Amino acid sequence: MTTQIISETPLQFTHILFLLVVIAGAYLGIEVMGRSAETFMPWLVLLLLFLTISISPQISLDNLKPYFGNGVLPVISASKVVIGTPFHKMVT
């Protein structure tokens, strides 16, 4: 964030800004943070959906060729291990 969005802002100010959010969350409690997340989550989903729709004409599927060079099956078989890693301890 500091290198792309607010590149001219000093790093200390960015740290203070995030620290103020953490302090407010600790002071007001976890319930307020949960209610805030519940309020802002639909807005976040709508903004991401709008971003995806607005950028879709610029998407080129040719950029996926290095990943899908041998088809979809090798990607799916390799992703089973990565997806199952968090659940490995629950099964064994």
PDB file of N, CA and C in Angstrom:
ATOM      1  N   MET A   1       0.821  -1.185   0.000  1.00  0.00           N
ATOM      2  CA  MET A   1       0.000   0.000   0.000  1.00  0.00           C
ATOM      3  C   MET A   1       0.866   1.251   0.000  1.00  0.00           C
ATOM      4  N   THR A   2       1.945   1.237   0.740  1.00  0.00           N
ATOM      5  CA  THR A   2       2.773   2.436   0.810  1.00  0.00           C
ATOM      6  C   THR A   2       3.567   2.666  -0.463  1.00  0.00           C
ATOM      7  N   THR A   3       3.796   1.637  -1.249  1.00  0.00           N
ATOM      8  CA  THR A   3       4.560   1.831  -2.480  1.00  0.00           C
ATOM      9  C   THR A   3       3.672   2.160  -3.677  1.00  0.00           C
ATOM     10  N   GLN A   4       2.390   1.817  -3.634  1.00  0.00           N
ATOM     11  CA  GLN A   4       1.519   2.041  -4.781  1.00  0.00           C
ATOM     12  C   GLN A   4       0.524   3.185  -4.565  1.00  0.00           C
ATOM     13  N   ILE A   5      -0.149   3.188  -3.430  1.00  0.00           N
ATOM     14  CA  ILE A   5      -1.255   4.123  -3.239  1.00  0.00           C
ATOM     15  C   ILE A   5      -0.789   5.432  -2.609  1.00  0.00           C
ATOM     16  N   ILE A   6      -0.109   5.327  -1.491  1.00  0.00           N
ATOM     17  CA  ILE A   6       0.315   6.528  -0.775  1.00  0.00           C
ATOM     18  C   ILE A   6       1.839   6.563  -0.704  1.00  0.00           C
ATOM     19  N   SER A   7       2.466   6.685  -1.839  1.00  0.00           N
ATOM     20  CA  SER A   7       3.925   6.580  -1.905  1.00  0.00           C
ATOM     21  C   SER A   7       4.629   7.774  -1.279  1.00  0.00           C
ATOM     22  N   GLU A   8       4.012   8.943  -1.268  1.00  0.00           N
ATOM     23  CA  GLU A   8       4.660  10.133  -0.712  1.00  0.00           C
ATOM     24  C   GLU A   8       4.431  10.283   0.795  1.00  0.00           C
ATOM     25  N   THR A   9       3.583   9.464   1.371  1.00  0.00           N
ATOM     26  CA  THR A   9       3.275   9.553   2.791  1.00  0.00           C
ATOM     27  C   THR A   9       4.362   8.870   3.609  1.00  0.00           C
ATOM     28  N   PRO A  10       4.801   9.498   4.701  1.00  0.00           N
ATOM     29  CA  PRO A  10       5.820   8.849   5.543  1.00  0.00           C
ATOM     30  C   PRO A  10       5.300   7.545   6.145  1.00  0.00           C
ATOM     31  N   LEU A  11       6.193   6.605   6.327  1.00  0.00           N
ATOM     32  CA  LEU A  11       5.825   5.285   6.832  1.00  0.00           C
ATOM     33  C   LEU A  11       5.279   5.359   8.258  1.00  0.00           C
ATOM     34  N   GLN A  12       5.781   6.286   9.057  1.00  0.00           N
ATOM     35  CA  GLN A  12       5.307   6.425  10.435  1.00  0.00           C
ATOM     36  C   GLN A  12       3.822   6.798  10.476  1.00  0.00           C
ATOM     37  N   PHE A  13       3.381   7.651   9.559  1.00  0.00           N
ATOM     38  CA  PHE A  13       1.976   8.020   9.521  1.00  0.00           C
ATOM     39  C   PHE A  13       1.106   6.823   9.178  1.00  0.00           C
ATOM     40  N   THR A  14       1.555   6.008   8.257  1.00  0.00           N
ATOM     41  CA  THR A  14       0.807   4.803   7.895  1.00  0.00           C
ATOM     42  C   THR A  14       0.704   3.857   9.083  1.00  0.00           C
ATOM     43  N   HIS A  15       1.793   3.686   9.805  1.00  0.00           N
ATOM     44  CA  HIS A  15       1.767   2.825  10.995  1.00  0.00           C
ATOM     45  C   HIS A  15       0.837   3.392  12.062  1.00  0.00           C
ATOM     46  N   ILE A  16       0.876   4.697  12.260  1.00  0.00           N
ATOM     47  CA  ILE A  16      -0.007   5.325  13.248  1.00  0.00           C
ATOM     48  C   ILE A  16      -1.467   5.143  12.849  1.00  0.00           C
ATOM     49  N   LEU A  17      -1.765   5.268  11.570  1.00  0.00           N
ATOM     50  CA  LEU A  17      -3.139   5.097  11.098  1.00  0.00           C
ATOM     51  C   LEU A  17      -3.653   3.690  11.382  1.00  0.00           C
ATOM     52  N   PHE A  18      -2.848   2.674  11.073  1.00  0.00           N
ATOM     53  CA  PHE A  18      -3.257   1.304  11.362  1.00  0.00           C
ATOM     54  C   PHE A  18      -3.326   1.047  12.865  1.00  0.00           C
ATOM     55  N   LEU A  19      -2.433   1.661  13.612  1.00  0.00           N
ATOM     56  CA  LEU A  19      -2.441   1.498  15.065  1.00  0.00           C
ATOM     57  C   LEU A  19      -3.694   2.107  15.671  1.00  0.00           C
ATOM     58  N   LEU A  20      -4.158   3.230  15.136  1.00  0.00           N
ATOM     59  CA  LEU A  20      -5.393   3.831  15.635  1.00  0.00           C
ATOM     60  C   LEU A  20      -6.598   2.923  15.395  1.00  0.00           C
ATOM     61  N   VAL A  21      -6.617   2.242  14.281  1.00  0.00           N
ATOM     62  CA  VAL A  21      -7.707   1.298  14.005  1.00  0.00           C
ATOM     63  C   VAL A  21      -7.674   0.146  15.004  1.00  0.00           C
ATOM     64  N   VAL A  22      -6.486  -0.353  15.302  1.00  0.00           N
ATOM     65  CA  VAL A  22      -6.354  -1.451  16.258  1.00  0.00           C
ATOM     66  C   VAL A  22      -6.742  -0.997  17.656  1.00  0.00           C
ATOM     67  N   ILE A  23      -6.333   0.201  18.036  1.00  0.00           N
ATOM     68  CA  ILE A  23      -6.679   0.722  19.364  1.00  0.00           C
ATOM     69  C   ILE A  23      -8.190   0.922  19.478  1.00  0.00           C
ATOM     70  N   ALA A  24      -8.821   1.468  18.439  1.00  0.00           N
ATOM     71  CA  ALA A  24     -10.271   1.654  18.470  1.00  0.00           C
ATOM     72  C   ALA A  24     -10.986   0.314  18.574  1.00  0.00           C
ATOM     73  N   GLY A  25     -10.492  -0.693  17.870  1.00  0.00           N
ATOM     74  CA  GLY A  25     -11.103  -2.018  17.962  1.00  0.00           C
ATOM     75  C   GLY A  25     -10.938  -2.631  19.334  1.00  0.00           C
ATOM     76  N   ALA A  26      -9.778  -2.441  19.939  1.00  0.00           N
ATOM     77  CA  ALA A  26      -9.560  -2.983  21.287  1.00  0.00           C
ATOM     78  C   ALA A  26     -10.391  -2.231  22.318  1.00  0.00           C
ATOM     79  N   TYR A  27     -10.551  -0.938  22.129  1.00  0.00           N
ATOM     80  CA  TYR A  27     -11.303  -0.138  23.097  1.00  0.00           C
ATOM     81  C   TYR A  27     -12.800  -0.400  23.001  1.00  0.00           C
ATOM     82  N   LEU A  28     -13.321  -0.458  21.787  1.00  0.00           N
ATOM     83  CA  LEU A  28     -14.763  -0.628  21.606  1.00  0.00           C
ATOM     84  C   LEU A  28     -15.211  -2.077  21.713  1.00  0.00           C
ATOM     85  N   GLY A  29     -14.299  -3.015  21.501  1.00  0.00           N
ATOM     86  CA  GLY A  29     -14.637  -4.414  21.675  1.00  0.00           C
ATOM     87  C   GLY A  29     -14.831  -5.144  20.361  1.00  0.00           C
ATOM     88  N   ILE A  30     -14.845  -6.453  20.477  1.00  0.00           N
ATOM     89  CA  ILE A  30     -14.938  -7.315  19.299  1.00  0.00           C
ATOM     90  C   ILE A  30     -16.328  -7.251  18.672  1.00  0.00           C
ATOM     91  N   GLU A  31     -17.349  -6.958  19.485  1.00  0.00           N
ATOM     92  CA  GLU A  31     -18.704  -6.904  18.953  1.00  0.00           C
ATOM     93  C   GLU A  31     -18.863  -5.751  17.965  1.00  0.00           C
ATOM     94  N   VAL A  32     -18.277  -4.605  18.281  1.00  0.00           N
ATOM     95  CA  VAL A  32     -18.363  -3.452  17.397  1.00  0.00           C
ATOM     96  C   VAL A  32     -17.616  -3.731  16.098  1.00  0.00           C
ATOM     97  N   MET A  33     -16.474  -4.401  16.206  1.00  0.00           N
ATOM     98  CA  MET A  33     -15.724  -4.747  15.003  1.00  0.00           C
ATOM     99  C   MET A  33     -16.526  -5.714  14.129  1.00  0.00           C
ATOM    100  N   GLY A  34     -17.191  -6.673  14.752  1.00  0.00           N
ATOM    101  CA  GLY A  34     -18.012  -7.624  14.012  1.00  0.00           C
ATOM    102  C   GLY A  34     -19.197  -6.960  13.337  1.00  0.00           C
ATOM    103  N   ARG A  35     -19.833  -6.034  14.044  1.00  0.00           N
ATOM    104  CA  ARG A  35     -20.969  -5.324  13.441  1.00  0.00           C
ATOM    105  C   ARG A  35     -20.512  -4.418  12.306  1.00  0.00           C
ATOM    106  N   SER A  36     -19.356  -3.806  12.460  1.00  0.00           N
ATOM    107  CA  SER A  36     -18.816  -2.975  11.388  1.00  0.00           C
ATOM    108  C   SER A  36     -18.512  -3.823  10.160  1.00  0.00           C
ATOM    109  N   ALA A  37     -17.922  -4.984  10.371  1.00  0.00           N
ATOM    110  CA  ALA A  37     -17.628  -5.880   9.256  1.00  0.00           C
ATOM    111  C   ALA A  37     -18.920  -6.344   8.589  1.00  0.00           C
ATOM    112  N   GLU A  38     -19.939  -6.601   9.388  1.00  0.00           N
ATOM    113  CA  GLU A  38     -21.225  -7.011   8.842  1.00  0.00           C
ATOM    114  C   GLU A  38     -21.853  -5.899   8.013  1.00  0.00           C
ATOM    115  N   THR A  39     -21.613  -4.663   8.406  1.00  0.00           N
ATOM    116  CA  THR A  39     -22.158  -3.522   7.665  1.00  0.00           C
ATOM    117  C   THR A  39     -21.403  -3.284   6.368  1.00  0.00           C
ATOM    118  N   PHE A  40     -20.081  -3.370   6.422  1.00  0.00           N
ATOM    119  CA  PHE A  40     -19.279  -3.001   5.263  1.00  0.00           C
ATOM    120  C   PHE A  40     -19.036  -4.148   4.285  1.00  0.00           C
ATOM    121  N   MET A  41     -19.308  -5.373   4.650  1.00  0.00           N
ATOM    122  CA  MET A  41     -19.051  -6.504   3.770  1.00  0.00           C
ATOM    123  C   MET A  41     -19.865  -6.445   2.478  1.00  0.00           C
ATOM    124  N   PRO A  42     -21.166  -6.135   2.518  1.00  0.00           N
ATOM    125  CA  PRO A  42     -21.902  -6.029   1.239  1.00  0.00           C
ATOM    126  C   PRO A  42     -21.332  -4.942   0.326  1.00  0.00           C
ATOM    127  N   TRP A  43     -20.904  -3.835   0.899  1.00  0.00           N
ATOM    128  CA  TRP A  43     -20.297  -2.772   0.095  1.00  0.00           C
ATOM    129  C   TRP A  43     -18.999  -3.245  -0.552  1.00  0.00           C
ATOM    130  N   LEU A  44     -18.210  -3.985   0.187  1.00  0.00           N
ATOM    131  CA  LEU A  44     -16.963  -4.504  -0.354  1.00  0.00           C
ATOM    132  C   LEU A  44     -17.227  -5.483  -1.494  1.00  0.00           C
ATOM    133  N   VAL A  45     -18.204  -6.344  -1.323  1.00  0.00           N
ATOM    134  CA  VAL A  45     -18.552  -7.304  -2.375  1.00  0.00           C
ATOM    135  C   VAL A  45     -19.061  -6.573  -3.616  1.00  0.00           C
ATOM    136  N   LEU A  46     -19.890  -5.560  -3.416  1.00  0.00           N
ATOM    137  CA  LEU A  46     -20.393  -4.796  -4.557  1.00  0.00           C
ATOM    138  C   LEU A  46     -19.268  -4.060  -5.276  1.00  0.00           C
ATOM    139  N   LEU A  47     -18.326  -3.488  -4.537  1.00  0.00           N
ATOM    140  CA  LEU A  47     -17.209  -2.801  -5.172  1.00  0.00           C
ATOM    141  C   LEU A  47     -16.315  -3.763  -5.952  1.00  0.00           C
ATOM    142  N   LEU A  48     -16.062  -4.936  -5.398  1.00  0.00           N
ATOM    143  CA  LEU A  48     -15.258  -5.923  -6.117  1.00  0.00           C
ATOM    144  C   LEU A  48     -15.977  -6.436  -7.354  1.00  0.00           C
ATOM    145  N   LEU A  49     -17.276  -6.624  -7.246  1.00  0.00           N
ATOM    146  CA  LEU A  49     -18.063  -7.039  -8.401  1.00  0.00           C
ATOM    147  C   LEU A  49     -18.046  -5.964  -9.483  1.00  0.00           C
ATOM    148  N   PHE A  50     -18.193  -4.705  -9.090  1.00  0.00           N
ATOM    149  CA  PHE A  50     -18.122  -3.604 -10.043  1.00  0.00           C
ATOM    150  C   PHE A  50     -16.749  -3.535 -10.702  1.00  0.00           C
ATOM    151  N   LEU A  51     -15.691  -3.732  -9.926  1.00  0.00           N
ATOM    152  CA  LEU A  51     -14.343  -3.728 -10.480  1.00  0.00           C
ATOM    153  C   LEU A  51     -14.163  -4.855 -11.492  1.00  0.00           C
ATOM    154  N   THR A  52     -14.645  -6.030 -11.149  1.00  0.00           N
ATOM    155  CA  THR A  52     -14.517  -7.171 -12.048  1.00  0.00           C
ATOM    156  C   THR A  52     -15.279  -6.943 -13.348  1.00  0.00           C
ATOM    157  N   ILE A  53     -16.482  -6.412 -13.248  1.00  0.00           N
ATOM    158  CA  ILE A  53     -17.281  -6.167 -14.447  1.00  0.00           C
ATOM    159  C   ILE A  53     -16.661  -5.061 -15.291  1.00  0.00           C
ATOM    160  N   SER A  54     -16.156  -4.014 -14.654  1.00  0.00           N
ATOM    161  CA  SER A  54     -15.611  -2.902 -15.426  1.00  0.00           C
ATOM    162  C   SER A  54     -14.275  -3.232 -16.079  1.00  0.00           C
ATOM    163  N   ILE A  55     -13.534  -4.163 -15.520  1.00  0.00           N
ATOM    164  CA  ILE A  55     -12.230  -4.504 -16.092  1.00  0.00           C
ATOM    165  C   ILE A  55     -12.306  -5.710 -17.027  1.00  0.00           C
ATOM    166  N   SER A  56     -13.447  -6.377 -17.091  1.00  0.00           N
ATOM    167  CA  SER A  56     -13.563  -7.596 -17.890  1.00  0.00           C
ATOM    168  C   SER A  56     -13.275  -7.401 -19.380  1.00  0.00           C
ATOM    169  N   PRO A  57     -13.542  -6.258 -20.016  1.00  0.00           N
ATOM    170  CA  PRO A  57     -13.160  -6.137 -21.434  1.00  0.00           C
ATOM    171  C   PRO A  57     -11.643  -6.173 -21.658  1.00  0.00           C
ATOM    172  N   GLN A  58     -10.868  -5.865 -20.632  1.00  0.00           N
ATOM    173  CA  GLN A  58      -9.413  -5.838 -20.777  1.00  0.00           C
ATOM    174  C   GLN A  58      -8.756  -7.175 -20.461  1.00  0.00           C
ATOM    175  N   ILE A  59      -9.524  -8.141 -20.007  1.00  0.00           N
ATOM    176  CA  ILE A  59      -8.959  -9.433 -19.627  1.00  0.00           C
ATOM    177  C   ILE A  59      -8.604 -10.227 -20.884  1.00  0.00           C
ATOM    178  N   SER A  60      -7.405 -10.754 -20.914  1.00  0.00           N
ATOM    179  CA  SER A  60      -6.957 -11.586 -22.032  1.00  0.00           C
ATOM    180  C   SER A  60      -6.676 -12.991 -21.509  1.00  0.00           C
ATOM    181  N   LEU A  61      -7.374 -13.958 -22.043  1.00  0.00           N
ATOM    182  CA  LEU A  61      -7.182 -15.331 -21.590  1.00  0.00           C
ATOM    183  C   LEU A  61      -5.857 -15.922 -22.071  1.00  0.00           C
ATOM    184  N   ASP A  62      -5.182 -15.243 -22.991  1.00  0.00           N
ATOM    185  CA  ASP A  62      -3.865 -15.705 -23.432  1.00  0.00           C
ATOM    186  C   ASP A  62      -2.837 -15.640 -22.305  1.00  0.00           C
ATOM    187  N   ASN A  63      -3.093 -14.800 -21.312  1.00  0.00           N
ATOM    188  CA  ASN A  63      -2.173 -14.708 -20.180  1.00  0.00           C
ATOM    189  C   ASN A  63      -2.206 -15.955 -19.300  1.00  0.00           C
ATOM    190  N   LEU A  64      -3.230 -16.775 -19.426  1.00  0.00           N
ATOM    191  CA  LEU A  64      -3.337 -18.001 -18.630  1.00  0.00           C
ATOM    192  C   LEU A  64      -2.653 -19.189 -19.291  1.00  0.00           C
ATOM    193  N   LYS A  65      -2.156 -19.025 -20.483  1.00  0.00           N
ATOM    194  CA  LYS A  65      -1.541 -20.152 -21.194  1.00  0.00           C
ATOM    195  C   LYS A  65      -0.350 -20.766 -20.466  1.00  0.00           C
ATOM    196  N   PRO A  66       0.506 -20.003 -19.791  1.00  0.00           N
ATOM    197  CA  PRO A  66       1.585 -20.677 -19.053  1.00  0.00           C
ATOM    198  C   PRO A  66       1.063 -21.613 -17.961  1.00  0.00           C
ATOM    199  N   TYR A  67      -0.075 -21.301 -17.369  1.00  0.00           N
ATOM    200  CA  TYR A  67      -0.627 -22.141 -16.312  1.00  0.00           C
ATOM    201  C   TYR A  67      -1.408 -23.318 -16.883  1.00  0.00           C
ATOM    202  N   PHE A  68      -2.139 -23.071 -17.934  1.00  0.00           N
ATOM    203  CA  PHE A  68      -2.973 -24.102 -18.522  1.00  0.00           C
ATOM    204  C   PHE A  68      -2.372 -24.640 -19.822  1.00  0.00           C
ATOM    205  N   GLY A  69      -1.067 -24.689 -19.914  1.00  0.00           N
ATOM    206  CA  GLY A  69      -0.396 -25.164 -21.114  1.00  0.00           C
ATOM    207  C   GLY A  69      -0.695 -26.621 -21.410  1.00  0.00           C
ATOM    208  N   ASN A  70      -0.825 -27.449 -20.368  1.00  0.00           N
ATOM    209  CA  ASN A  70      -1.114 -28.875 -20.546  1.00  0.00           C
ATOM    210  C   ASN A  70      -2.567 -29.203 -20.247  1.00  0.00           C
ATOM    211  N   GLY A  71      -3.404 -28.206 -20.135  1.00  0.00           N
ATOM    212  CA  GLY A  71      -4.810 -28.428 -19.844  1.00  0.00           C
ATOM    213  C   GLY A  71      -5.147 -28.115 -18.404  1.00  0.00           C
ATOM    214  N   VAL A  72      -6.386 -28.354 -18.050  1.00  0.00           N
ATOM    215  CA  VAL A  72      -6.878 -28.023 -16.720  1.00  0.00           C
ATOM    216  C   VAL A  72      -6.576 -29.130 -15.708  1.00  0.00           C
ATOM    217  N   LEU A  73      -6.486 -30.370 -16.141  1.00  0.00           N
ATOM    218  CA  LEU A  73      -6.335 -31.497 -15.214  1.00  0.00           C
ATOM    219  C   LEU A  73      -5.058 -31.440 -14.369  1.00  0.00           C
ATOM    220  N   PRO A  74      -3.893 -31.081 -14.901  1.00  0.00           N
ATOM    221  CA  PRO A  74      -2.723 -30.984 -14.023  1.00  0.00           C
ATOM    222  C   PRO A  74      -2.866 -29.909 -12.943  1.00  0.00           C
ATOM    223  N   VAL A  75      -3.541 -28.818 -13.274  1.00  0.00           N
ATOM    224  CA  VAL A  75      -3.752 -27.751 -12.288  1.00  0.00           C
ATOM    225  C   VAL A  75      -4.690 -28.237 -11.191  1.00  0.00           C
ATOM    226  N   ILE A  76      -5.741 -28.939 -11.558  1.00  0.00           N
ATOM    227  CA  ILE A  76      -6.693 -29.447 -10.566  1.00  0.00           C
ATOM    228  C   ILE A  76      -6.041 -30.500  -9.679  1.00  0.00           C
ATOM    229  N   SER A  77      -5.262 -31.399 -10.255  1.00  0.00           N
ATOM    230  CA  SER A  77      -4.630 -32.441  -9.432  1.00  0.00           C
ATOM    231  C   SER A  77      -3.593 -31.853  -8.483  1.00  0.00           C
ATOM    232  N   ALA A  78      -2.909 -30.800  -8.878  1.00  0.00           N
ATOM    233  CA  ALA A  78      -1.942 -30.173  -7.984  1.00  0.00           C
ATOM    234  C   ALA A  78      -2.626 -29.338  -6.913  1.00  0.00           C
ATOM    235  N   SER A  79      -3.788 -28.780  -7.218  1.00  0.00           N
ATOM    236  CA  SER A  79      -4.469 -27.932  -6.245  1.00  0.00           C
ATOM    237  C   SER A  79      -5.159 -28.733  -5.151  1.00  0.00           C
ATOM    238  N   LYS A  80      -5.404 -30.025  -5.360  1.00  0.00           N
ATOM    239  CA  LYS A  80      -6.022 -30.841  -4.315  1.00  0.00           C
ATOM    240  C   LYS A  80      -5.156 -30.885  -3.067  1.00  0.00           C
ATOM    241  N   VAL A  81      -3.849 -30.935  -3.242  1.00  0.00           N
ATOM    242  CA  VAL A  81      -2.934 -30.980  -2.106  1.00  0.00           C
ATOM    243  C   VAL A  81      -2.966 -29.666  -1.352  1.00  0.00           C
ATOM    244  N   VAL A  82      -2.965 -28.559  -2.067  1.00  0.00           N
ATOM    245  CA  VAL A  82      -2.946 -27.244  -1.437  1.00  0.00           C
ATOM    246  C   VAL A  82      -4.259 -26.970  -0.714  1.00  0.00           C
ATOM    247  N   ILE A  83      -5.373 -27.346  -1.316  1.00  0.00           N
ATOM    248  CA  ILE A  83      -6.672 -27.125  -0.693  1.00  0.00           C
ATOM    249  C   ILE A  83      -6.841 -28.011   0.534  1.00  0.00           C
ATOM    250  N   GLY A  84      -6.326 -29.226   0.496  1.00  0.00           N
ATOM    251  CA  GLY A  84      -6.501 -30.153   1.604  1.00  0.00           C
ATOM    252  C   GLY A  84      -5.532 -29.968   2.762  1.00  0.00           C
ATOM    253  N   THR A  85      -4.506 -29.129   2.600  1.00  0.00           N
ATOM    254  CA  THR A  85      -3.510 -28.973   3.657  1.00  0.00           C
ATOM    255  C   THR A  85      -4.093 -28.480   4.975  1.00  0.00           C
ATOM    256  N   PRO A  86      -4.997 -27.480   5.020  1.00  0.00           N
ATOM    257  CA  PRO A  86      -5.522 -27.047   6.311  1.00  0.00           C
ATOM    258  C   PRO A  86      -6.336 -28.117   7.033  1.00  0.00           C
ATOM    259  N   PHE A  87      -6.910 -29.061   6.283  1.00  0.00           N
ATOM    260  CA  PHE A  87      -7.761 -30.078   6.877  1.00  0.00           C
ATOM    261  C   PHE A  87      -7.015 -31.362   7.181  1.00  0.00           C
ATOM    262  N   HIS A  88      -5.742 -31.406   6.884  1.00  0.00           N
ATOM    263  CA  HIS A  88      -4.967 -32.620   7.063  1.00  0.00           C
ATOM    264  C   HIS A  88      -4.912 -33.058   8.522  1.00  0.00           C
ATOM    265  N   LYS A  89      -4.730 -32.119   9.431  1.00  0.00           N
ATOM    266  CA  LYS A  89      -4.630 -32.463  10.853  1.00  0.00           C
ATOM    267  C   LYS A  89      -5.967 -32.945  11.431  1.00  0.00           C
ATOM    268  N   MET A  90      -7.071 -32.502  10.863  1.00  0.00           N
ATOM    269  CA  MET A  90      -8.369 -32.939  11.370  1.00  0.00           C
ATOM    270  C   MET A  90      -8.669 -34.371  10.972  1.00  0.00           C
ATOM    271  N   VAL A  91      -8.123 -34.812   9.844  1.00  0.00           N
ATOM    272  CA  VAL A  91      -8.414 -36.150   9.344  1.00  0.00           C
ATOM    273  C   VAL A  91      -7.504 -37.178  10.002  1.00  0.00           C
ATOM    274  N   THR A  92      -6.235 -36.841  10.171  1.00  0.00           N
ATOM    275  CA  THR A  92      -5.289 -37.803  10.723  1.00  0.00           C
ATOM    276  C   THR A  92      -5.298 -37.843  12.216  1.00  0.00           C
TER     277      THR A  92
END
